[in-house]
Amino acid sequence: MQRIRLRYTKRGRLRFTSHRDFQRAFERALRRAEVPMAYSAGFTPHPKVSYANAAPTGTGSEAEYLEIALTAPRDPEQLRALLDESLPTGLDITEAVEARTSGLADRLTASVWELRLDGVPPEEARRAADAFNAAEAVEVQRLAKNGVRTFDARSAVASLEVHDLTETHSSQADRPTDQPCAILRLVVRHVTPAVRPDDVLSGLRAVADLAPPVPAAVTRLAQGLFDEETGTVTDPLAPDREAVEAPAEPTAAATAPA
């Protein structure tokens, strides 16, 4: 059985696609591309697809991951192209590698987010970010299934910075040009309870009274292992890619003297 790991995006209007909607679209794409999927056992077999840490509905993403199991080998790049053609524009398969290592989900320990705050001057956002970073704890509330839950949003945030408009991921066409706009770049560790970008916005409101006039446009730029030394998030597919590119070890027979 071959396992393939895929990176995909949620762009533009497709950011409002729920995870369930994406699952249905992806399974249709598997059928259209005639992918030789492995299926689960039982009365209702379903394709063996493992989704990892999907972004919330309404947020864009450049770094969503999943893994599929095949009953017959396929070239990862050809498979990527076929699936990408079978999905709507905005749900784009950007990378495919053969799984040569274990624990993809274990390598998703942090995310990099971009928050675009239309109508917020950069200096105001910078003041709020400084107050948030200086706080030892920032308590926020979220409505959960069992009622309102209070938790610390500060401890999960590895970095929070204000970036220049020229450094933003989103295009100029996506932004009104007649009003100020602040760009926040956020690195968040994946902890329990999960701290989401909207929780950080609630924290900014709590510590600095920052209240954007319109909802923030949120995009996940990356997710992977968090490097404590550099403060960066590493590519979770790199170990699989390196395992494929590494030269094979010579066998004992090949190295034995004639």
C-alpha atoms as a PDB file:
ATOM      1  CA  MET A   1       0.000   0.000   0.000  1.00  0.00           C
ATOM      2  CA  GLN A   2       1.357   3.408  -1.006  1.00  0.00           C
ATOM      3  CA  ARG A   3       0.706   6.521   1.101  1.00  0.00           C
ATOM      4  CA  ILE A   4       0.753   9.990  -0.455  1.00  0.00           C
ATOM      5  CA  ARG A   5       0.791  13.251   1.509  1.00  0.00           C
ATOM      6  CA  LEU A   6      -0.764  16.323  -0.069  1.00  0.00           C
ATOM      7  CA  ARG A   7      -0.600  20.027   0.651  1.00  0.00           C
ATOM      8  CA  TYR A   8      -3.602  22.062  -0.469  1.00  0.00           C
ATOM      9  CA  THR A   9      -4.989  25.592  -0.225  1.00  0.00           C
ATOM     10  CA  LYS A  10      -8.252  27.387   0.548  1.00  0.00           C
ATOM     11  CA  ARG A  11      -8.189  30.666  -1.386  1.00  0.00           C
ATOM     12  CA  GLY A  12     -10.581  33.458  -2.254  1.00  0.00           C
ATOM     13  CA  ARG A  13     -14.258  32.655  -1.784  1.00  0.00           C
ATOM     14  CA  LEU A  14     -13.367  29.014  -1.123  1.00  0.00           C
ATOM     15  CA  ARG A  15     -12.089  30.075   2.322  1.00  0.00           C
ATOM     16  CA  PHE A  16     -15.750  29.825   3.373  1.00  0.00           C
ATOM     17  CA  THR A  17     -15.816  26.117   2.487  1.00  0.00           C
ATOM     18  CA  SER A  18     -16.385  24.018   5.594  1.00  0.00           C
ATOM     19  CA  HIS A  19     -14.204  21.008   6.300  1.00  0.00           C
ATOM     20  CA  ARG A  20     -17.142  18.704   5.526  1.00  0.00           C
ATOM     21  CA  ASP A  21     -17.705  20.454   2.191  1.00  0.00           C
ATOM     22  CA  PHE A  22     -14.020  20.032   1.332  1.00  0.00           C
ATOM     23  CA  GLN A  23     -14.181  16.329   2.209  1.00  0.00           C
ATOM     24  CA  ARG A  24     -17.059  15.828  -0.209  1.00  0.00           C
ATOM     25  CA  ALA A  25     -15.310  17.810  -2.971  1.00  0.00           C
ATOM     26  CA  PHE A  26     -12.063  15.911  -2.439  1.00  0.00           C
ATOM     27  CA  GLU A  27     -13.729  12.483  -2.552  1.00  0.00           C
ATOM     28  CA  ARG A  28     -15.425  13.475  -5.812  1.00  0.00           C
ATOM     29  CA  ALA A  29     -12.028  14.528  -7.157  1.00  0.00           C
ATOM     30  CA  LEU A  30     -10.591  11.129  -6.200  1.00  0.00           C
ATOM     31  CA  ARG A  31     -13.306   9.407  -8.217  1.00  0.00           C
ATOM     32  CA  ARG A  32     -12.899  11.717 -11.232  1.00  0.00           C
ATOM     33  CA  ALA A  33      -9.150  11.204 -11.256  1.00  0.00           C
ATOM     34  CA  GLU A  34      -9.655   7.429 -10.935  1.00  0.00           C
ATOM     35  CA  VAL A  35      -7.270   7.211  -8.007  1.00  0.00           C
ATOM     36  CA  PRO A  36      -6.857   3.579  -6.811  1.00  0.00           C
ATOM     37  CA  MET A  37      -7.933   4.333  -3.248  1.00  0.00           C
ATOM     38  CA  ALA A  38      -7.702   1.911  -0.360  1.00  0.00           C
ATOM     39  CA  TYR A  39     -10.970   1.610   1.559  1.00  0.00           C
ATOM     40  CA  SER A  40     -11.800   0.909   5.166  1.00  0.00           C
ATOM     41  CA  ALA A  41     -13.448  -2.348   6.180  1.00  0.00           C
ATOM     42  CA  GLY A  42     -16.969  -2.696   7.581  1.00  0.00           C
ATOM     43  CA  PHE A  43     -20.524  -2.166   6.373  1.00  0.00           C
ATOM     44  CA  THR A  44     -19.872   1.360   5.056  1.00  0.00           C
ATOM     45  CA  PRO A  45     -16.386   1.406   3.504  1.00  0.00           C
ATOM     46  CA  HIS A  46     -14.922   4.855   2.896  1.00  0.00           C
ATOM     47  CA  PRO A  47     -11.681   6.029   1.280  1.00  0.00           C
ATOM     48  CA  LYS A  48      -8.669   6.006   3.574  1.00  0.00           C
ATOM     49  CA  VAL A  49      -8.039   9.749   3.848  1.00  0.00           C
ATOM     50  CA  SER A  50      -6.475  11.282   6.956  1.00  0.00           C
ATOM     51  CA  TYR A  51      -7.023  15.015   7.409  1.00  0.00           C
ATOM     52  CA  ALA A  52      -4.673  16.933   9.692  1.00  0.00           C
ATOM     53  CA  ASN A  53      -5.599  20.060  11.663  1.00  0.00           C
ATOM     54  CA  ALA A  54      -7.979  21.719   9.207  1.00  0.00           C
ATOM     55  CA  ALA A  55      -8.315  25.518   9.299  1.00  0.00           C
ATOM     56  CA  PRO A  56     -11.584  26.989  10.626  1.00  0.00           C
ATOM     57  CA  THR A  57     -14.341  27.855   8.156  1.00  0.00           C
ATOM     58  CA  GLY A  58     -13.935  31.414   6.886  1.00  0.00           C
ATOM     59  CA  THR A  59     -10.138  31.476   7.069  1.00  0.00           C
ATOM     60  CA  GLY A  60      -7.919  31.126   4.042  1.00  0.00           C
ATOM     61  CA  SER A  61      -4.959  28.784   4.018  1.00  0.00           C
ATOM     62  CA  GLU A  62      -1.844  28.088   2.011  1.00  0.00           C
ATOM     63  CA  ALA A  63      -0.891  25.079   4.119  1.00  0.00           C
ATOM     64  CA  GLU A  64      -3.527  22.382   4.665  1.00  0.00           C
ATOM     65  CA  TYR A  65      -2.407  18.745   4.744  1.00  0.00           C
ATOM     66  CA  LEU A  66      -3.887  15.313   4.248  1.00  0.00           C
ATOM     67  CA  GLU A  67      -2.724  11.769   3.560  1.00  0.00           C
ATOM     68  CA  ILE A  68      -4.285   9.143   1.277  1.00  0.00           C
ATOM     69  CA  ALA A  69      -3.660   5.403   0.993  1.00  0.00           C
ATOM     70  CA  LEU A  70      -3.524   3.737  -2.442  1.00  0.00           C
ATOM     71  CA  THR A  71      -3.830   0.115  -3.466  1.00  0.00           C
ATOM     72  CA  ALA A  72      -1.503   0.654  -6.460  1.00  0.00           C
ATOM     73  CA  PRO A  73       1.539   2.946  -6.777  1.00  0.00           C
ATOM     74  CA  ARG A  74       1.206   6.289  -8.531  1.00  0.00           C
ATOM     75  CA  ASP A  75       3.689   9.045  -9.330  1.00  0.00           C
ATOM     76  CA  PRO A  76       3.043  11.765  -6.713  1.00  0.00           C
ATOM     77  CA  GLU A  77       3.401  14.703  -9.118  1.00  0.00           C
ATOM     78  CA  GLN A  78       1.098  13.171 -11.747  1.00  0.00           C
ATOM     79  CA  LEU A  79      -1.421  12.380  -9.026  1.00  0.00           C
ATOM     80  CA  ARG A  80      -1.210  15.971  -7.747  1.00  0.00           C
ATOM     81  CA  ALA A  81      -1.912  17.367 -11.218  1.00  0.00           C
ATOM     82  CA  LEU A  82      -4.910  15.066 -11.774  1.00  0.00           C
ATOM     83  CA  LEU A  83      -6.468  15.932  -8.417  1.00  0.00           C
ATOM     84  CA  ASP A  84      -5.822  19.634  -8.878  1.00  0.00           C
ATOM     85  CA  GLU A  85      -7.644  19.575 -12.230  1.00  0.00           C
ATOM     86  CA  SER A  86     -10.606  17.849 -10.566  1.00  0.00           C
ATOM     87  CA  LEU A  87     -11.040  20.443  -7.802  1.00  0.00           C
ATOM     88  CA  PRO A  88     -12.496  23.951  -8.109  1.00  0.00           C
ATOM     89  CA  THR A  89     -10.104  26.887  -8.366  1.00  0.00           C
ATOM     90  CA  GLY A  90      -9.239  27.988  -4.838  1.00  0.00           C
ATOM     91  CA  LEU A  91      -8.991  24.434  -3.543  1.00  0.00           C
ATOM     92  CA  ASP A  92      -5.596  23.805  -5.105  1.00  0.00           C
ATOM     93  CA  ILE A  93      -3.296  20.825  -4.570  1.00  0.00           C
ATOM     94  CA  THR A  94       0.132  22.451  -4.453  1.00  0.00           C
ATOM     95  CA  GLU A  95       2.408  19.584  -3.423  1.00  0.00           C
ATOM     96  CA  ALA A  96       2.452  15.785  -3.206  1.00  0.00           C
ATOM     97  CA  VAL A  97       5.104  13.502  -1.736  1.00  0.00           C
ATOM     98  CA  GLU A  98       5.241   9.811  -1.003  1.00  0.00           C
ATOM     99  CA  ALA A  99       5.071   9.183   2.750  1.00  0.00           C
ATOM    100  CA  ARG A 100       8.442   7.771   3.773  1.00  0.00           C
ATOM    101  CA  THR A 101       8.246   8.724   7.459  1.00  0.00           C
ATOM    102  CA  SER A 102       5.647   8.396  10.190  1.00  0.00           C
ATOM    103  CA  GLY A 103       3.695  10.940  12.168  1.00  0.00           C
ATOM    104  CA  LEU A 104       2.629  13.756   9.848  1.00  0.00           C
ATOM    105  CA  ALA A 105       0.131  15.028  12.413  1.00  0.00           C
ATOM    106  CA  ASP A 106       2.854  15.025  15.076  1.00  0.00           C
ATOM    107  CA  ARG A 107       4.851  17.467  12.940  1.00  0.00           C
ATOM    108  CA  LEU A 108       2.060  20.047  12.910  1.00  0.00           C
ATOM    109  CA  THR A 109       2.819  21.793  16.190  1.00  0.00           C
ATOM    110  CA  ALA A 110       2.443  25.456  15.173  1.00  0.00           C
ATOM    111  CA  SER A 111       0.898  27.713  12.525  1.00  0.00           C
ATOM    112  CA  VAL A 112       1.854  31.012  10.920  1.00  0.00           C
ATOM    113  CA  TRP A 113      -1.148  33.306  10.388  1.00  0.00           C
ATOM    114  CA  GLU A 114      -1.636  36.599   8.597  1.00  0.00           C
ATOM    115  CA  LEU A 115      -4.409  38.885   9.868  1.00  0.00           C
ATOM    116  CA  ARG A 116      -5.410  41.766   7.617  1.00  0.00           C
ATOM    117  CA  LEU A 117      -7.136  44.529   9.606  1.00  0.00           C
ATOM    118  CA  ASP A 118      -8.810  46.926   7.184  1.00  0.00           C
ATOM    119  CA  GLY A 119      -9.553  50.302   8.699  1.00  0.00           C
ATOM    120  CA  VAL A 120      -6.863  49.970  11.387  1.00  0.00           C
ATOM    121  CA  PRO A 121      -3.812  52.274  11.183  1.00  0.00           C
ATOM    122  CA  PRO A 122      -0.520  50.327  11.450  1.00  0.00           C
ATOM    123  CA  GLU A 123       0.639  52.428  14.409  1.00  0.00           C
ATOM    124  CA  GLU A 124      -2.525  51.546  16.334  1.00  0.00           C
ATOM    125  CA  ALA A 125      -2.000  47.855  15.577  1.00  0.00           C
ATOM    126  CA  ARG A 126       1.645  48.123  16.649  1.00  0.00           C
ATOM    127  CA  ARG A 127       0.632  49.671  19.974  1.00  0.00           C
ATOM    128  CA  ALA A 128      -1.851  46.844  20.586  1.00  0.00           C
ATOM    129  CA  ALA A 129       0.683  44.155  19.601  1.00  0.00           C
ATOM    130  CA  ASP A 130       3.258  45.634  21.997  1.00  0.00           C
ATOM    131  CA  ALA A 131       0.724  45.549  24.833  1.00  0.00           C
ATOM    132  CA  PHE A 132      -0.204  41.952  24.034  1.00  0.00           C
ATOM    133  CA  ASN A 133       3.438  40.830  23.861  1.00  0.00           C
ATOM    134  CA  ALA A 134       4.248  42.555  27.148  1.00  0.00           C
ATOM    135  CA  ALA A 135       1.428  40.852  29.035  1.00  0.00           C
ATOM    136  CA  GLU A 136       2.187  37.715  31.062  1.00  0.00           C
ATOM    137  CA  ALA A 137      -1.321  36.373  30.400  1.00  0.00           C
ATOM    138  CA  VAL A 138      -4.289  37.527  28.343  1.00  0.00           C
ATOM    139  CA  GLU A 139      -7.563  35.907  29.330  1.00  0.00           C
ATOM    140  CA  VAL A 140     -10.242  35.605  26.663  1.00  0.00           C
ATOM    141  CA  GLN A 141     -13.596  33.882  26.494  1.00  0.00           C
ATOM    142  CA  ARG A 142     -15.042  31.585  23.861  1.00  0.00           C
ATOM    143  CA  LEU A 143     -18.457  29.991  23.628  1.00  0.00           C
ATOM    144  CA  ALA A 144     -18.001  26.199  23.719  1.00  0.00           C
ATOM    145  CA  LYS A 145     -20.443  23.293  23.728  1.00  0.00           C
ATOM    146  CA  ASN A 146     -20.523  23.310  27.536  1.00  0.00           C
ATOM    147  CA  GLY A 147     -20.884  27.072  27.869  1.00  0.00           C
ATOM    148  CA  VAL A 148     -18.472  29.992  27.983  1.00  0.00           C
ATOM    149  CA  ARG A 149     -14.850  28.983  28.475  1.00  0.00           C
ATOM    150  CA  THR A 150     -12.112  31.295  29.775  1.00  0.00           C
ATOM    151  CA  PHE A 151      -8.469  30.614  28.878  1.00  0.00           C
ATOM    152  CA  ASP A 152      -5.118  32.338  28.336  1.00  0.00           C
ATOM    153  CA  ALA A 153      -4.478  33.340  24.728  1.00  0.00           C
ATOM    154  CA  ARG A 154      -1.007  34.765  25.394  1.00  0.00           C
ATOM    155  CA  SER A 155       0.947  31.611  26.311  1.00  0.00           C
ATOM    156  CA  ALA A 156       0.366  29.914  22.941  1.00  0.00           C
ATOM    157  CA  VAL A 157       1.579  32.914  20.904  1.00  0.00           C
ATOM    158  CA  ALA A 158       5.249  32.538  19.974  1.00  0.00           C
ATOM    159  CA  SER A 159       5.369  35.857  18.093  1.00  0.00           C
ATOM    160  CA  LEU A 160       3.062  38.691  17.099  1.00  0.00           C
ATOM    161  CA  GLU A 161       4.356  41.399  14.758  1.00  0.00           C
ATOM    162  CA  VAL A 162       3.005  44.174  12.574  1.00  0.00           C
ATOM    163  CA  HIS A 163       4.216  43.887   8.985  1.00  0.00           C
ATOM    164  CA  ASP A 164       4.407  46.409   6.204  1.00  0.00           C
ATOM    165  CA  LEU A 165       1.779  46.255   3.459  1.00  0.00           C
ATOM    166  CA  THR A 166       4.494  45.342   0.957  1.00  0.00           C
ATOM    167  CA  GLU A 167       5.158  42.144   2.953  1.00  0.00           C
ATOM    168  CA  THR A 168       1.590  40.905   3.009  1.00  0.00           C
ATOM    169  CA  HIS A 169       0.513  37.656   1.380  1.00  0.00           C
ATOM    170  CA  SER A 170      -2.837  39.037   0.151  1.00  0.00           C
ATOM    171  CA  SER A 171      -2.958  40.973  -3.097  1.00  0.00           C
ATOM    172  CA  GLN A 172      -3.603  44.694  -3.357  1.00  0.00           C
ATOM    173  CA  ALA A 173      -6.835  43.944  -5.214  1.00  0.00           C
ATOM    174  CA  ASP A 174      -8.205  42.298  -2.065  1.00  0.00           C
ATOM    175  CA  ARG A 175      -7.803  45.465  -0.007  1.00  0.00           C
ATOM    176  CA  PRO A 176      -9.663  48.770  -0.097  1.00  0.00           C
ATOM    177  CA  THR A 177      -7.170  51.465  -1.011  1.00  0.00           C
ATOM    178  CA  ASP A 178      -8.968  54.467   0.525  1.00  0.00           C
ATOM    179  CA  GLN A 179      -8.499  53.488   4.164  1.00  0.00           C
ATOM    180  CA  PRO A 180      -5.646  52.398   6.450  1.00  0.00           C
ATOM    181  CA  CYS A 181      -4.781  48.727   6.742  1.00  0.00           C
ATOM    182  CA  ALA A 182      -2.654  46.894   9.298  1.00  0.00           C
ATOM    183  CA  ILE A 183      -1.104  43.468   8.725  1.00  0.00           C
ATOM    184  CA  LEU A 184      -0.397  41.216  11.705  1.00  0.00           C
ATOM    185  CA  ARG A 185       1.875  38.169  11.401  1.00  0.00           C
ATOM    186  CA  LEU A 186       1.199  35.615  14.104  1.00  0.00           C
ATOM    187  CA  VAL A 187       2.927  32.356  15.093  1.00  0.00           C
ATOM    188  CA  VAL A 188       0.772  30.197  17.363  1.00  0.00           C
ATOM    189  CA  ARG A 189       1.660  26.895  18.986  1.00  0.00           C
ATOM    190  CA  HIS A 190      -0.960  24.162  18.738  1.00  0.00           C
ATOM    191  CA  VAL A 191      -1.989  23.667  22.353  1.00  0.00           C
ATOM    192  CA  THR A 192      -5.078  22.552  24.260  1.00  0.00           C
ATOM    193  CA  PRO A 193      -7.384  24.396  24.275  1.00  0.00           C
ATOM    194  CA  ALA A 194      -6.509  25.559  20.773  1.00  0.00           C
ATOM    195  CA  VAL A 195      -5.787  29.282  20.444  1.00  0.00           C
ATOM    196  CA  ARG A 196      -7.177  30.602  17.168  1.00  0.00           C
ATOM    197  CA  PRO A 197      -6.549  33.926  15.416  1.00  0.00           C
ATOM    198  CA  ASP A 198      -9.931  35.260  16.561  1.00  0.00           C
ATOM    199  CA  ASP A 199      -8.901  34.510  20.154  1.00  0.00           C
ATOM    200  CA  VAL A 200      -5.803  36.664  19.662  1.00  0.00           C
ATOM    201  CA  LEU A 201      -8.009  39.443  18.253  1.00  0.00           C
ATOM    202  CA  SER A 202     -10.156  39.160  21.390  1.00  0.00           C
ATOM    203  CA  GLY A 203      -6.954  39.453  23.416  1.00  0.00           C
ATOM    204  CA  LEU A 204      -5.912  42.589  21.531  1.00  0.00           C
ATOM    205  CA  ARG A 205      -9.296  44.076  22.299  1.00  0.00           C
ATOM    206  CA  ALA A 206      -8.888  43.195  25.975  1.00  0.00           C
ATOM    207  CA  VAL A 207      -5.379  44.640  26.465  1.00  0.00           C
ATOM    208  CA  ALA A 208      -5.458  47.596  24.043  1.00  0.00           C
ATOM    209  CA  ASP A 209      -9.098  48.161  23.046  1.00  0.00           C
ATOM    210  CA  LEU A 210      -8.261  47.306  19.431  1.00  0.00           C
ATOM    211  CA  ALA A 211     -11.545  46.789  17.561  1.00  0.00           C
ATOM    212  CA  PRO A 212     -11.298  46.589  13.743  1.00  0.00           C
ATOM    213  CA  PRO A 213     -14.345  48.157  12.039  1.00  0.00           C
ATOM    214  CA  VAL A 214     -14.725  45.120   9.754  1.00  0.00           C
ATOM    215  CA  PRO A 215     -13.935  41.436  10.360  1.00  0.00           C
ATOM    216  CA  ALA A 216     -10.287  40.531   9.901  1.00  0.00           C
ATOM    217  CA  ALA A 217      -9.250  38.582   6.799  1.00  0.00           C
ATOM    218  CA  VAL A 218      -7.276  35.627   8.156  1.00  0.00           C
ATOM    219  CA  THR A 219      -4.942  33.364   6.173  1.00  0.00           C
ATOM    220  CA  ARG A 220      -2.789  30.496   7.399  1.00  0.00           C
ATOM    221  CA  LEU A 221       0.559  30.801   5.643  1.00  0.00           C
ATOM    222  CA  ALA A 222       2.292  27.714   7.049  1.00  0.00           C
ATOM    223  CA  GLN A 223       2.086  24.996   9.647  1.00  0.00           C
ATOM    224  CA  GLY A 224       4.648  22.488  10.846  1.00  0.00           C
ATOM    225  CA  LEU A 225       7.146  21.875  13.622  1.00  0.00           C
ATOM    226  CA  PHE A 226       8.004  24.914  15.711  1.00  0.00           C
ATOM    227  CA  ASP A 227      11.747  25.512  16.020  1.00  0.00           C
ATOM    228  CA  GLU A 228      12.329  26.993  19.488  1.00  0.00           C
ATOM    229  CA  GLU A 229      15.809  28.279  18.601  1.00  0.00           C
ATOM    230  CA  THR A 230      14.843  30.247  15.499  1.00  0.00           C
ATOM    231  CA  GLY A 231      11.163  30.864  16.251  1.00  0.00           C
ATOM    232  CA  THR A 232      10.233  29.560  12.791  1.00  0.00           C
ATOM    233  CA  VAL A 233       7.806  26.911  11.568  1.00  0.00           C
ATOM    234  CA  THR A 234       9.436  24.187   9.455  1.00  0.00           C
ATOM    235  CA  ASP A 235       8.048  22.347   6.419  1.00  0.00           C
ATOM    236  CA  PRO A 236       6.309  19.133   7.603  1.00  0.00           C
ATOM    237  CA  LEU A 237       6.846  17.407   4.249  1.00  0.00           C
ATOM    238  CA  ALA A 238      10.602  17.999   4.241  1.00  0.00           C
ATOM    239  CA  PRO A 239      11.484  14.667   5.965  1.00  0.00           C
ATOM    240  CA  ASP A 240       9.527  12.711   3.319  1.00  0.00           C
ATOM    241  CA  ARG A 241      11.083  14.705   0.497  1.00  0.00           C
ATOM    242  CA  GLU A 242      14.579  14.196   1.904  1.00  0.00           C
ATOM    243  CA  ALA A 243      13.975  10.458   2.345  1.00  0.00           C
ATOM    244  CA  VAL A 244      13.047  10.171  -1.341  1.00  0.00           C
ATOM    245  CA  GLU A 245      16.068  12.205  -2.471  1.00  0.00           C
ATOM    246  CA  ALA A 246      18.590  10.469  -0.203  1.00  0.00           C
ATOM    247  CA  PRO A 247      20.822   7.952  -2.033  1.00  0.00           C
ATOM    248  CA  ALA A 248      20.223   4.324  -1.189  1.00  0.00           C
ATOM    249  CA  GLU A 249      22.658   2.697   1.245  1.00  0.00           C
ATOM    250  CA  PRO A 250      24.949   0.147  -0.444  1.00  0.00           C
ATOM    251  CA  THR A 251      24.140  -3.429   0.409  1.00  0.00           C
ATOM    252  CA  ALA A 252      26.609  -5.755   2.094  1.00  0.00           C
ATOM    253  CA  ALA A 253      26.936  -7.790  -1.096  1.00  0.00           C
ATOM    254  CA  ALA A 254      27.771  -4.706  -3.116  1.00  0.00           C
ATOM    255  CA  THR A 255      30.460  -3.549  -0.697  1.00  0.00           C
ATOM    256  CA  ALA A 256      32.099  -6.943  -0.121  1.00  0.00           C
ATOM    257  CA  PRO A 257      35.505  -7.326  -1.828  1.00  0.00           C
ATOM    258  CA  ALA A 258      35.579  -9.546  -4.895  1.00  0.00           C
END
